[in-house]
Amino acid sequence: MPGNNHLERQIKPWAMGRKAWLFCGSELAGQRAAIVMSLVQSAKLNGHDPWAYLRDVLARLPTQLNSRIDELLPHRWTPAAN
């Protein structure tokens, strides 16, 4: 019978920080934190370095066409050519 250890390891950092983030400022700040955590974990699951992913996406976001925004999602992202 397969276990769920892999999934437990994936959520452990977020579970450990739960008390620290309990009062993150406001409900909206909590929602923003959840979005960032989701992007970081999705980047990891897709084999990307989360820091490189976020740095690249945030740099490209201001000039990215709305019709092509899905290219920046972790499962479709490829680093910009320098």
C-alpha atoms as a PDB file:
ATOM      1  CA  MET A   1       0.000   0.000   0.000  1.00  0.00           C
ATOM      2  CA  PRO A   2       1.614   3.309  -1.082  1.00  0.00           C
ATOM      3  CA  GLY A   3       2.132   5.907   1.629  1.00  0.00           C
ATOM      4  CA  ASN A   4       1.724   9.635   1.552  1.00  0.00           C
ATOM      5  CA  ASN A   5       5.216  10.501   2.824  1.00  0.00           C
ATOM      6  CA  HIS A   6       6.052  12.347  -0.385  1.00  0.00           C
ATOM      7  CA  LEU A   7       3.069  14.661   0.031  1.00  0.00           C
ATOM      8  CA  GLU A   8       3.744  15.182   3.714  1.00  0.00           C
ATOM      9  CA  ARG A   9       7.315  16.255   2.911  1.00  0.00           C
ATOM     10  CA  GLN A  10       5.973  18.700   0.328  1.00  0.00           C
ATOM     11  CA  ILE A  11       3.679  20.501   2.779  1.00  0.00           C
ATOM     12  CA  LYS A  12       5.889  20.313   5.877  1.00  0.00           C
ATOM     13  CA  PRO A  13       7.545  23.762   5.408  1.00  0.00           C
ATOM     14  CA  TRP A  14       4.144  25.415   5.118  1.00  0.00           C
ATOM     15  CA  ALA A  15       2.722  23.533   8.080  1.00  0.00           C
ATOM     16  CA  MET A  16       5.739  24.491  10.205  1.00  0.00           C
ATOM     17  CA  GLY A  17       5.309  28.176   9.358  1.00  0.00           C
ATOM     18  CA  ARG A  18       1.577  28.251  10.015  1.00  0.00           C
ATOM     19  CA  LYS A  19       1.865  29.849  13.471  1.00  0.00           C
ATOM     20  CA  ALA A  20       4.427  32.376  12.273  1.00  0.00           C
ATOM     21  CA  TRP A  21       2.141  33.470   9.453  1.00  0.00           C
ATOM     22  CA  LEU A  22      -1.044  33.481  11.516  1.00  0.00           C
ATOM     23  CA  PHE A  23      -1.017  37.261  11.797  1.00  0.00           C
ATOM     24  CA  CYS A  24       0.485  38.208   8.448  1.00  0.00           C
ATOM     25  CA  GLY A  25      -1.239  41.618   8.453  1.00  0.00           C
ATOM     26  CA  SER A  26      -4.671  41.117   6.944  1.00  0.00           C
ATOM     27  CA  GLU A  27      -6.838  38.623   5.118  1.00  0.00           C
ATOM     28  CA  LEU A  28      -5.613  40.038   1.811  1.00  0.00           C
ATOM     29  CA  ALA A  29      -1.982  39.634   2.902  1.00  0.00           C
ATOM     30  CA  GLY A  30      -2.740  36.026   3.792  1.00  0.00           C
ATOM     31  CA  GLN A  31      -4.221  35.439   0.347  1.00  0.00           C
ATOM     32  CA  ARG A  32      -1.148  36.957  -1.300  1.00  0.00           C
ATOM     33  CA  ALA A  33       1.138  34.768   0.824  1.00  0.00           C
ATOM     34  CA  ALA A  34      -0.861  31.706  -0.215  1.00  0.00           C
ATOM     35  CA  ILE A  35      -0.469  32.634  -3.896  1.00  0.00           C
ATOM     36  CA  VAL A  36       3.298  33.006  -3.550  1.00  0.00           C
ATOM     37  CA  MET A  37       3.548  29.715  -1.633  1.00  0.00           C
ATOM     38  CA  SER A  38       1.541  28.004  -4.361  1.00  0.00           C
ATOM     39  CA  LEU A  39       3.828  29.366  -7.081  1.00  0.00           C
ATOM     40  CA  VAL A  40       6.954  28.313  -5.173  1.00  0.00           C
ATOM     41  CA  GLN A  41       5.674  24.786  -4.623  1.00  0.00           C
ATOM     42  CA  SER A  42       4.459  24.478  -8.227  1.00  0.00           C
ATOM     43  CA  ALA A  43       7.869  25.596  -9.480  1.00  0.00           C
ATOM     44  CA  LYS A  44       9.542  22.940  -7.309  1.00  0.00           C
ATOM     45  CA  LEU A  45       7.160  20.223  -8.511  1.00  0.00           C
ATOM     46  CA  ASN A  46       7.964  21.150 -12.121  1.00  0.00           C
ATOM     47  CA  GLY A  47      11.715  20.867 -11.505  1.00  0.00           C
ATOM     48  CA  HIS A  48      12.489  24.596 -11.396  1.00  0.00           C
ATOM     49  CA  ASP A  49      14.547  26.567  -8.918  1.00  0.00           C
ATOM     50  CA  PRO A  50      11.815  28.690  -7.266  1.00  0.00           C
ATOM     51  CA  TRP A  51      14.075  31.740  -6.874  1.00  0.00           C
ATOM     52  CA  ALA A  52      15.094  31.674 -10.557  1.00  0.00           C
ATOM     53  CA  TYR A  53      11.473  31.119 -11.595  1.00  0.00           C
ATOM     54  CA  LEU A  54      10.068  34.013  -9.545  1.00  0.00           C
ATOM     55  CA  ARG A  55      12.910  36.364 -10.505  1.00  0.00           C
ATOM     56  CA  ASP A  56      12.394  35.658 -14.210  1.00  0.00           C
ATOM     57  CA  VAL A  57       8.598  35.834 -14.091  1.00  0.00           C
ATOM     58  CA  LEU A  58       8.563  39.098 -12.126  1.00  0.00           C
ATOM     59  CA  ALA A  59      11.044  40.634 -14.572  1.00  0.00           C
ATOM     60  CA  ARG A  60       8.977  39.562 -17.611  1.00  0.00           C
ATOM     61  CA  LEU A  61       5.516  40.240 -16.202  1.00  0.00           C
ATOM     62  CA  PRO A  62       5.325  44.002 -16.973  1.00  0.00           C
ATOM     63  CA  THR A  63       5.879  43.441 -20.699  1.00  0.00           C
ATOM     64  CA  GLN A  64       4.119  40.084 -21.099  1.00  0.00           C
ATOM     65  CA  LEU A  65       1.039  40.220 -23.318  1.00  0.00           C
ATOM     66  CA  ASN A  66      -2.178  39.303 -21.514  1.00  0.00           C
ATOM     67  CA  SER A  67      -2.938  36.756 -24.227  1.00  0.00           C
ATOM     68  CA  ARG A  68       0.372  34.979 -23.430  1.00  0.00           C
ATOM     69  CA  ILE A  69       0.333  35.187 -19.631  1.00  0.00           C
ATOM     70  CA  ASP A  70      -0.158  31.417 -19.346  1.00  0.00           C
ATOM     71  CA  GLU A  71       3.415  30.956 -20.632  1.00  0.00           C
ATOM     72  CA  LEU A  72       4.602  32.151 -17.222  1.00  0.00           C
ATOM     73  CA  LEU A  73       2.823  29.417 -15.265  1.00  0.00           C
ATOM     74  CA  PRO A  74       5.247  26.943 -13.677  1.00  0.00           C
ATOM     75  CA  HIS A  75       4.208  23.978 -15.824  1.00  0.00           C
ATOM     76  CA  ARG A  76       4.709  25.962 -19.067  1.00  0.00           C
ATOM     77  CA  TRP A  77       7.592  28.270 -18.101  1.00  0.00           C
ATOM     78  CA  THR A  78      10.958  28.282 -19.836  1.00  0.00           C
ATOM     79  CA  PRO A  79      13.639  30.738 -18.726  1.00  0.00           C
ATOM     80  CA  ALA A  80      14.066  33.876 -20.818  1.00  0.00           C
ATOM     81  CA  ALA A  81      17.116  33.884 -23.063  1.00  0.00           C
ATOM     82  CA  ASN A  82      19.718  36.370 -21.842  1.00  0.00           C
END
